[in-house]
Amino acid sequence: MLEFFMLIITAVLVGGYIYLIYKKRKNLKKEYGWKSYVTPGAFVVAPLVALFSYLFEFGGIITWFTLGFCFITGAFFTKYLPEPSEG
């Protein structure tokens, strides 16, 4: 039962996050290229990896390495994110 709720909540949160990114990026006037999508992509993949790791009992160094890689990559590519608008 806990796994079902975790799956539903994660799906809703990740889906909402993807929708927010799409909505905000659609209204941008300047094109930022593919590098600006790496940070949001990494922060979408990380909870999915953690959830599937928990559900399939696949904890260990591979999961930690994958999550660490996602977070470090996401942090590195923040310099390519669009500038926030005032207001």
PDB file of N, CA and C in Angstrom:
ATOM      1  N   MET A   1       0.816  -1.188   0.000  1.00  0.00           N
ATOM      2  CA  MET A   1       0.000   0.000   0.000  1.00  0.00           C
ATOM      3  C   MET A   1       0.868   1.263   0.000  1.00  0.00           C
ATOM      4  N   LEU A   2       1.949   1.245   0.793  1.00  0.00           N
ATOM      5  CA  LEU A   2       2.853   2.383   0.831  1.00  0.00           C
ATOM      6  C   LEU A   2       3.494   2.614  -0.525  1.00  0.00           C
ATOM      7  N   GLU A   3       3.871   1.536  -1.199  1.00  0.00           N
ATOM      8  CA  GLU A   3       4.494   1.658  -2.506  1.00  0.00           C
ATOM      9  C   GLU A   3       3.540   2.295  -3.514  1.00  0.00           C
ATOM     10  N   PHE A   4       2.267   1.940  -3.426  1.00  0.00           N
ATOM     11  CA  PHE A   4       1.266   2.503  -4.328  1.00  0.00           C
ATOM     12  C   PHE A   4       1.148   4.012  -4.130  1.00  0.00           C
ATOM     13  N   PHE A   5       1.081   4.455  -2.869  1.00  0.00           N
ATOM     14  CA  PHE A   5       0.992   5.883  -2.595  1.00  0.00           C
ATOM     15  C   PHE A   5       2.253   6.616  -3.020  1.00  0.00           C
ATOM     16  N   MET A   6       3.408   6.006  -2.797  1.00  0.00           N
ATOM     17  CA  MET A   6       4.656   6.633  -3.235  1.00  0.00           C
ATOM     18  C   MET A   6       4.687   6.794  -4.748  1.00  0.00           C
ATOM     19  N   LEU A   7       4.235   5.784  -5.451  1.00  0.00           N
ATOM     20  CA  LEU A   7       4.210   5.832  -6.908  1.00  0.00           C
ATOM     21  C   LEU A   7       3.260   6.922  -7.405  1.00  0.00           C
ATOM     22  N   ILE A   8       2.087   7.007  -6.832  1.00  0.00           N
ATOM     23  CA  ILE A   8       1.102   8.007  -7.241  1.00  0.00           C
ATOM     24  C   ILE A   8       1.602   9.419  -6.938  1.00  0.00           C
ATOM     25  N   ILE A   9       2.102   9.634  -5.739  1.00  0.00           N
ATOM     26  CA  ILE A   9       2.576  10.968  -5.356  1.00  0.00           C
ATOM     27  C   ILE A   9       3.760  11.389  -6.223  1.00  0.00           C
ATOM     28  N   THR A  10       4.689  10.492  -6.461  1.00  0.00           N
ATOM     29  CA  THR A  10       5.835  10.819  -7.306  1.00  0.00           C
ATOM     30  C   THR A  10       5.396  11.123  -8.731  1.00  0.00           C
ATOM     31  N   ALA A  11       4.470  10.339  -9.254  1.00  0.00           N
ATOM     32  CA  ALA A  11       3.975  10.584 -10.614  1.00  0.00           C
ATOM     33  C   ALA A  11       3.292  11.942 -10.717  1.00  0.00           C
ATOM     34  N   VAL A  12       2.503  12.301  -9.726  1.00  0.00           N
ATOM     35  CA  VAL A  12       1.821  13.600  -9.740  1.00  0.00           C
ATOM     36  C   VAL A  12       2.825  14.740  -9.641  1.00  0.00           C
ATOM     37  N   LEU A  13       3.786  14.623  -8.733  1.00  0.00           N
ATOM     38  CA  LEU A  13       4.776  15.689  -8.569  1.00  0.00           C
ATOM     39  C   LEU A  13       5.672  15.842  -9.794  1.00  0.00           C
ATOM     40  N   VAL A  14       6.131  14.746 -10.358  1.00  0.00           N
ATOM     41  CA  VAL A  14       6.985  14.814 -11.544  1.00  0.00           C
ATOM     42  C   VAL A  14       6.187  15.337 -12.738  1.00  0.00           C
ATOM     43  N   GLY A  15       4.948  14.873 -12.877  1.00  0.00           N
ATOM     44  CA  GLY A  15       4.107  15.379 -13.958  1.00  0.00           C
ATOM     45  C   GLY A  15       3.837  16.870 -13.826  1.00  0.00           C
ATOM     46  N   GLY A  16       3.562  17.318 -12.609  1.00  0.00           N
ATOM     47  CA  GLY A  16       3.360  18.752 -12.371  1.00  0.00           C
ATOM     48  C   GLY A  16       4.597  19.564 -12.651  1.00  0.00           C
ATOM     49  N   TYR A  17       5.758  19.041 -12.285  1.00  0.00           N
ATOM     50  CA  TYR A  17       7.024  19.728 -12.535  1.00  0.00           C
ATOM     51  C   TYR A  17       7.290  19.839 -14.037  1.00  0.00           C
ATOM     52  N   ILE A  18       7.043  18.774 -14.779  1.00  0.00           N
ATOM     53  CA  ILE A  18       7.238  18.808 -16.233  1.00  0.00           C
ATOM     54  C   ILE A  18       6.271  19.804 -16.864  1.00  0.00           C
ATOM     55  N   TYR A  19       5.024  19.830 -16.388  1.00  0.00           N
ATOM     56  CA  TYR A  19       4.051  20.786 -16.916  1.00  0.00           C
ATOM     57  C   TYR A  19       4.484  22.222 -16.639  1.00  0.00           C
ATOM     58  N   LEU A  20       4.979  22.490 -15.431  1.00  0.00           N
ATOM     59  CA  LEU A  20       5.451  23.835 -15.095  1.00  0.00           C
ATOM     60  C   LEU A  20       6.619  24.259 -15.968  1.00  0.00           C
ATOM     61  N   ILE A  21       7.563  23.358 -16.184  1.00  0.00           N
ATOM     62  CA  ILE A  21       8.703  23.673 -17.047  1.00  0.00           C
ATOM     63  C   ILE A  21       8.225  23.980 -18.459  1.00  0.00           C
ATOM     64  N   TYR A  22       7.313  23.161 -18.979  1.00  0.00           N
ATOM     65  CA  TYR A  22       6.791  23.374 -20.326  1.00  0.00           C
ATOM     66  C   TYR A  22       6.081  24.720 -20.430  1.00  0.00           C
ATOM     67  N   LYS A  23       5.258  25.036 -19.435  1.00  0.00           N
ATOM     68  CA  LYS A  23       4.492  26.273 -19.462  1.00  0.00           C
ATOM     69  C   LYS A  23       5.400  27.503 -19.401  1.00  0.00           C
ATOM     70  N   LYS A  24       6.421  27.458 -18.555  1.00  0.00           N
ATOM     71  CA  LYS A  24       7.317  28.597 -18.432  1.00  0.00           C
ATOM     72  C   LYS A  24       8.215  28.747 -19.668  1.00  0.00           C
ATOM     73  N   ARG A  25       8.661  27.630 -20.221  1.00  0.00           N
ATOM     74  CA  ARG A  25       9.553  27.696 -21.379  1.00  0.00           C
ATOM     75  C   ARG A  25       8.830  28.106 -22.652  1.00  0.00           C
ATOM     76  N   LYS A  26       7.528  27.850 -22.719  1.00  0.00           N
ATOM     77  CA  LYS A  26       6.767  28.177 -23.914  1.00  0.00           C
ATOM     78  C   LYS A  26       6.698  29.693 -24.124  1.00  0.00           C
ATOM     79  N   ASN A  27       6.694  30.448 -23.046  1.00  0.00           N
ATOM     80  CA  ASN A  27       6.550  31.902 -23.130  1.00  0.00           C
ATOM     81  C   ASN A  27       7.868  32.648 -23.252  1.00  0.00           C
ATOM     82  N   LEU A  28       8.993  31.949 -23.299  1.00  0.00           N
ATOM     83  CA  LEU A  28      10.277  32.630 -23.432  1.00  0.00           C
ATOM     84  C   LEU A  28      10.465  33.149 -24.851  1.00  0.00           C
ATOM     85  N   LYS A  29      11.038  34.334 -24.953  1.00  0.00           N
ATOM     86  CA  LYS A  29      11.268  34.924 -26.260  1.00  0.00           C
ATOM     87  C   LYS A  29      12.624  34.516 -26.842  1.00  0.00           C
ATOM     88  N   LYS A  30      13.584  34.291 -25.981  1.00  0.00           N
ATOM     89  CA  LYS A  30      14.929  33.942 -26.426  1.00  0.00           C
ATOM     90  C   LYS A  30      15.107  32.430 -26.356  1.00  0.00           C
ATOM     91  N   GLU A  31      15.784  31.872 -27.341  1.00  0.00           N
ATOM     92  CA  GLU A  31      16.072  30.434 -27.372  1.00  0.00           C
ATOM     93  C   GLU A  31      17.355  30.177 -26.580  1.00  0.00           C
ATOM     94  N   TYR A  32      17.321  29.233 -25.658  1.00  0.00           N
ATOM     95  CA  TYR A  32      18.474  28.969 -24.797  1.00  0.00           C
ATOM     96  C   TYR A  32      19.223  27.695 -25.147  1.00  0.00           C
ATOM     97  N   GLY A  33      18.695  26.872 -26.006  1.00  0.00           N
ATOM     98  CA  GLY A  33      19.403  25.672 -26.426  1.00  0.00           C
ATOM     99  C   GLY A  33      19.168  24.487 -25.509  1.00  0.00           C
ATOM    100  N   TRP A  34      19.797  23.384 -25.876  1.00  0.00           N
ATOM    101  CA  TRP A  34      19.568  22.123 -25.162  1.00  0.00           C
ATOM    102  C   TRP A  34      20.203  22.108 -23.786  1.00  0.00           C
ATOM    103  N   LYS A  35      21.240  22.898 -23.556  1.00  0.00           N
ATOM    104  CA  LYS A  35      21.911  22.869 -22.255  1.00  0.00           C
ATOM    105  C   LYS A  35      21.021  23.386 -21.133  1.00  0.00           C
ATOM    106  N   SER A  36      20.054  24.222 -21.468  1.00  0.00           N
ATOM    107  CA  SER A  36      19.172  24.743 -20.428  1.00  0.00           C
ATOM    108  C   SER A  36      18.155  23.708 -19.970  1.00  0.00           C
ATOM    109  N   TYR A  37      18.032  22.595 -20.685  1.00  0.00           N
ATOM    110  CA  TYR A  37      17.109  21.536 -20.289  1.00  0.00           C
ATOM    111  C   TYR A  37      17.786  20.442 -19.463  1.00  0.00           C
ATOM    112  N   VAL A  38      19.090  20.495 -19.302  1.00  0.00           N
ATOM    113  CA  VAL A  38      19.804  19.449 -18.574  1.00  0.00           C
ATOM    114  C   VAL A  38      19.474  19.491 -17.078  1.00  0.00           C
ATOM    115  N   THR A  39      19.458  20.672 -16.489  1.00  0.00           N
ATOM    116  CA  THR A  39      19.165  20.783 -15.056  1.00  0.00           C
ATOM    117  C   THR A  39      17.759  20.288 -14.721  1.00  0.00           C
ATOM    118  N   PRO A  40      16.711  20.770 -15.410  1.00  0.00           N
ATOM    119  CA  PRO A  40      15.393  20.210 -15.095  1.00  0.00           C
ATOM    120  C   PRO A  40      15.304  18.715 -15.380  1.00  0.00           C
ATOM    121  N   GLY A  41      15.962  18.259 -16.427  1.00  0.00           N
ATOM    122  CA  GLY A  41      15.946  16.827 -16.738  1.00  0.00           C
ATOM    123  C   GLY A  41      16.598  16.000 -15.654  1.00  0.00           C
ATOM    124  N   ALA A  42      17.714  16.486 -15.129  1.00  0.00           N
ATOM    125  CA  ALA A  42      18.399  15.759 -14.061  1.00  0.00           C
ATOM    126  C   ALA A  42      17.558  15.710 -12.794  1.00  0.00           C
ATOM    127  N   PHE A  43      16.845  16.816 -12.506  1.00  0.00           N
ATOM    128  CA  PHE A  43      16.020  16.852 -11.309  1.00  0.00           C
ATOM    129  C   PHE A  43      14.688  16.139 -11.503  1.00  0.00           C
ATOM    130  N   VAL A  44      14.360  15.725 -12.706  1.00  0.00           N
ATOM    131  CA  VAL A  44      13.202  14.862 -12.942  1.00  0.00           C
ATOM    132  C   VAL A  44      13.623  13.396 -12.845  1.00  0.00           C
ATOM    133  N   VAL A  45      14.808  13.093 -13.327  1.00  0.00           N
ATOM    134  CA  VAL A  45      15.287  11.706 -13.337  1.00  0.00           C
ATOM    135  C   VAL A  45      15.625  11.229 -11.918  1.00  0.00           C
ATOM    136  N   ALA A  46      16.153  12.112 -11.077  1.00  0.00           N
ATOM    137  CA  ALA A  46      16.597  11.709  -9.733  1.00  0.00           C
ATOM    138  C   ALA A  46      15.488  11.090  -8.883  1.00  0.00           C
ATOM    139  N   PRO A  47      14.304  11.705  -8.745  1.00  0.00           N
ATOM    140  CA  PRO A  47      13.287  11.031  -7.928  1.00  0.00           C
ATOM    141  C   PRO A  47      12.776   9.739  -8.549  1.00  0.00           C
ATOM    142  N   LEU A  48      12.791   9.662  -9.871  1.00  0.00           N
ATOM    143  CA  LEU A  48      12.368   8.422 -10.520  1.00  0.00           C
ATOM    144  C   LEU A  48      13.353   7.289 -10.232  1.00  0.00           C
ATOM    145  N   VAL A  49      14.642   7.605 -10.271  1.00  0.00           N
ATOM    146  CA  VAL A  49      15.661   6.597  -9.951  1.00  0.00           C
ATOM    147  C   VAL A  49      15.518   6.155  -8.497  1.00  0.00           C
ATOM    148  N   ALA A  50      15.320   7.121  -7.599  1.00  0.00           N
ATOM    149  CA  ALA A  50      15.180   6.775  -6.176  1.00  0.00           C
ATOM    150  C   ALA A  50      13.926   5.934  -5.930  1.00  0.00           C
ATOM    151  N   LEU A  51      12.833   6.278  -6.597  1.00  0.00           N
ATOM    152  CA  LEU A  51      11.600   5.517  -6.416  1.00  0.00           C
ATOM    153  C   LEU A  51      11.744   4.095  -6.931  1.00  0.00           C
ATOM    154  N   PHE A  52      12.273   3.924  -8.128  1.00  0.00           N
ATOM    155  CA  PHE A  52      12.430   2.576  -8.670  1.00  0.00           C
ATOM    156  C   PHE A  52      13.467   1.770  -7.898  1.00  0.00           C
ATOM    157  N   SER A  53      14.452   2.453  -7.360  1.00  0.00           N
ATOM    158  CA  SER A  53      15.419   1.772  -6.514  1.00  0.00           C
ATOM    159  C   SER A  53      14.741   1.222  -5.254  1.00  0.00           C
ATOM    160  N   TYR A  54      13.842   1.991  -4.673  1.00  0.00           N
ATOM    161  CA  TYR A  54      13.130   1.535  -3.487  1.00  0.00           C
ATOM    162  C   TYR A  54      12.135   0.433  -3.825  1.00  0.00           C
ATOM    163  N   LEU A  55      11.390   0.608  -4.906  1.00  0.00           N
ATOM    164  CA  LEU A  55      10.347  -0.362  -5.251  1.00  0.00           C
ATOM    165  C   LEU A  55      10.918  -1.731  -5.606  1.00  0.00           C
ATOM    166  N   PHE A  56      12.044  -1.744  -6.327  1.00  0.00           N
ATOM    167  CA  PHE A  56      12.622  -3.010  -6.767  1.00  0.00           C
ATOM    168  C   PHE A  56      13.763  -3.470  -5.870  1.00  0.00           C
ATOM    169  N   GLU A  57      13.927  -2.798  -4.712  1.00  0.00           N
ATOM    170  CA  GLU A  57      14.952  -3.141  -3.730  1.00  0.00           C
ATOM    171  C   GLU A  57      16.335  -3.240  -4.362  1.00  0.00           C
ATOM    172  N   PHE A  58      16.659  -2.212  -5.129  1.00  0.00           N
ATOM    173  CA  PHE A  58      17.934  -2.167  -5.826  1.00  0.00           C
ATOM    174  C   PHE A  58      18.776  -1.031  -5.256  1.00  0.00           C
ATOM    175  N   GLY A  59      19.000  -1.058  -3.955  1.00  0.00           N
ATOM    176  CA  GLY A  59      19.845  -0.055  -3.337  1.00  0.00           C
ATOM    177  C   GLY A  59      21.299  -0.447  -3.471  1.00  0.00           C
ATOM    178  N   GLY A  60      22.146   0.505  -3.370  1.00  0.00           N
ATOM    179  CA  GLY A  60      23.560   0.194  -3.440  1.00  0.00           C
ATOM    180  C   GLY A  60      24.336   1.277  -4.148  1.00  0.00           C
ATOM    181  N   ILE A  61      25.553   0.922  -4.496  1.00  0.00           N
ATOM    182  CA  ILE A  61      26.482   1.897  -5.052  1.00  0.00           C
ATOM    183  C   ILE A  61      26.029   2.415  -6.412  1.00  0.00           C
ATOM    184  N   ILE A  62      25.347   1.598  -7.197  1.00  0.00           N
ATOM    185  CA  ILE A  62      24.881   2.036  -8.523  1.00  0.00           C
ATOM    186  C   ILE A  62      23.832   3.133  -8.354  1.00  0.00           C
ATOM    187  N   THR A  63      22.912   2.944  -7.435  1.00  0.00           N
ATOM    188  CA  THR A  63      21.877   3.945  -7.197  1.00  0.00           C
ATOM    189  C   THR A  63      22.485   5.229  -6.657  1.00  0.00           C
ATOM    190  N   TRP A  64      23.386   5.114  -5.704  1.00  0.00           N
ATOM    191  CA  TRP A  64      24.038   6.298  -5.160  1.00  0.00           C
ATOM    192  C   TRP A  64      24.838   7.030  -6.228  1.00  0.00           C
ATOM    193  N   PHE A  65      25.543   6.289  -7.060  1.00  0.00           N
ATOM    194  CA  PHE A  65      26.323   6.916  -8.124  1.00  0.00           C
ATOM    195  C   PHE A  65      25.408   7.622  -9.118  1.00  0.00           C
ATOM    196  N   THR A  66      24.299   7.000  -9.481  1.00  0.00           N
ATOM    197  CA  THR A  66      23.366   7.604 -10.430  1.00  0.00           C
ATOM    198  C   THR A  66      22.750   8.875  -9.853  1.00  0.00           C
ATOM    199  N   LEU A  67      22.319   8.833  -8.601  1.00  0.00           N
ATOM    200  CA  LEU A  67      21.752  10.023  -7.970  1.00  0.00           C
ATOM    201  C   LEU A  67      22.791  11.132  -7.829  1.00  0.00           C
ATOM    202  N   GLY A  68      23.999  10.775  -7.418  1.00  0.00           N
ATOM    203  CA  GLY A  68      25.063  11.769  -7.322  1.00  0.00           C
ATOM    204  C   GLY A  68      25.381  12.393  -8.671  1.00  0.00           C
ATOM    205  N   PHE A  69      25.405  11.575  -9.709  1.00  0.00           N
ATOM    206  CA  PHE A  69      25.656  12.086 -11.058  1.00  0.00           C
ATOM    207  C   PHE A  69      24.543  13.035 -11.497  1.00  0.00           C
ATOM    208  N   CYS A  70      23.298  12.683 -11.193  1.00  0.00           N
ATOM    209  CA  CYS A  70      22.170  13.557 -11.543  1.00  0.00           C
ATOM    210  C   CYS A  70      22.285  14.913 -10.839  1.00  0.00           C
ATOM    211  N   PHE A  71      22.586  14.900  -9.548  1.00  0.00           N
ATOM    212  CA  PHE A  71      22.649  16.147  -8.797  1.00  0.00           C
ATOM    213  C   PHE A  71      23.850  16.997  -9.201  1.00  0.00           C
ATOM    214  N   ILE A  72      25.003  16.390  -9.425  1.00  0.00           N
ATOM    215  CA  ILE A  72      26.174  17.153  -9.830  1.00  0.00           C
ATOM    216  C   ILE A  72      25.986  17.719 -11.234  1.00  0.00           C
ATOM    217  N   THR A  73      25.425  16.926 -12.136  1.00  0.00           N
ATOM    218  CA  THR A  73      25.168  17.410 -13.488  1.00  0.00           C
ATOM    219  C   THR A  73      24.146  18.539 -13.470  1.00  0.00           C
ATOM    220  N   GLY A  74      23.075  18.377 -12.694  1.00  0.00           N
ATOM    221  CA  GLY A  74      22.072  19.432 -12.584  1.00  0.00           C
ATOM    222  C   GLY A  74      22.654  20.716 -12.019  1.00  0.00           C
ATOM    223  N   ALA A  75      23.514  20.590 -11.028  1.00  0.00           N
ATOM    224  CA  ALA A  75      24.130  21.778 -10.435  1.00  0.00           C
ATOM    225  C   ALA A  75      25.097  22.443 -11.414  1.00  0.00           C
ATOM    226  N   PHE A  76      25.829  21.667 -12.182  1.00  0.00           N
ATOM    227  CA  PHE A  76      26.786  22.231 -13.127  1.00  0.00           C
ATOM    228  C   PHE A  76      26.085  23.019 -14.238  1.00  0.00           C
ATOM    229  N   PHE A  77      24.972  22.505 -14.731  1.00  0.00           N
ATOM    230  CA  PHE A  77      24.302  23.133 -15.862  1.00  0.00           C
ATOM    231  C   PHE A  77      23.329  24.241 -15.464  1.00  0.00           C
ATOM    232  N   THR A  78      23.301  24.639 -14.187  1.00  0.00           N
ATOM    233  CA  THR A  78      22.441  25.752 -13.798  1.00  0.00           C
ATOM    234  C   THR A  78      22.886  27.067 -14.412  1.00  0.00           C
ATOM    235  N   LYS A  79      24.142  27.161 -14.820  1.00  0.00           N
ATOM    236  CA  LYS A  79      24.596  28.408 -15.444  1.00  0.00           C
ATOM    237  C   LYS A  79      23.972  28.639 -16.814  1.00  0.00           C
ATOM    238  N   TYR A  80      23.360  27.627 -17.402  1.00  0.00           N
ATOM    239  CA  TYR A  80      22.714  27.766 -18.700  1.00  0.00           C
ATOM    240  C   TYR A  80      21.216  28.005 -18.604  1.00  0.00           C
ATOM    241  N   LEU A  81      20.675  28.075 -17.380  1.00  0.00           N
ATOM    242  CA  LEU A  81      19.245  28.317 -17.207  1.00  0.00           C
ATOM    243  C   LEU A  81      18.894  29.742 -17.635  1.00  0.00           C
ATOM    244  N   PRO A  82      17.666  29.975 -18.090  1.00  0.00           N
ATOM    245  CA  PRO A  82      17.262  31.332 -18.456  1.00  0.00           C
ATOM    246  C   PRO A  82      17.239  32.237 -17.228  1.00  0.00           C
ATOM    247  N   GLU A  83      17.482  33.517 -17.472  1.00  0.00           N
ATOM    248  CA  GLU A  83      17.445  34.490 -16.382  1.00  0.00           C
ATOM    249  C   GLU A  83      16.009  34.669 -15.914  1.00  0.00           C
ATOM    250  N   PRO A  84      15.788  34.711 -14.591  1.00  0.00           N
ATOM    251  CA  PRO A  84      14.412  34.914 -14.097  1.00  0.00           C
ATOM    252  C   PRO A  84      13.928  36.315 -14.433  1.00  0.00           C
ATOM    253  N   SER A  85      12.657  36.431 -14.762  1.00  0.00           N
ATOM    254  CA  SER A  85      12.087  37.727 -15.099  1.00  0.00           C
ATOM    255  C   SER A  85      11.626  38.423 -13.818  1.00  0.00           C
ATOM    256  N   GLU A  86      11.706  39.732 -13.815  1.00  0.00           N
ATOM    257  CA  GLU A  86      11.287  40.516 -12.653  1.00  0.00           C
ATOM    258  C   GLU A  86       9.769  40.577 -12.611  1.00  0.00           C
ATOM    259  N   GLY A  87       9.217  40.432 -11.415  1.00  0.00           N
ATOM    260  CA  GLY A  87       7.770  40.584 -11.253  1.00  0.00           C
ATOM    261  C   GLY A  87       7.061  39.373 -11.158  1.00  0.00           C
TER     262      GLY A  87
END
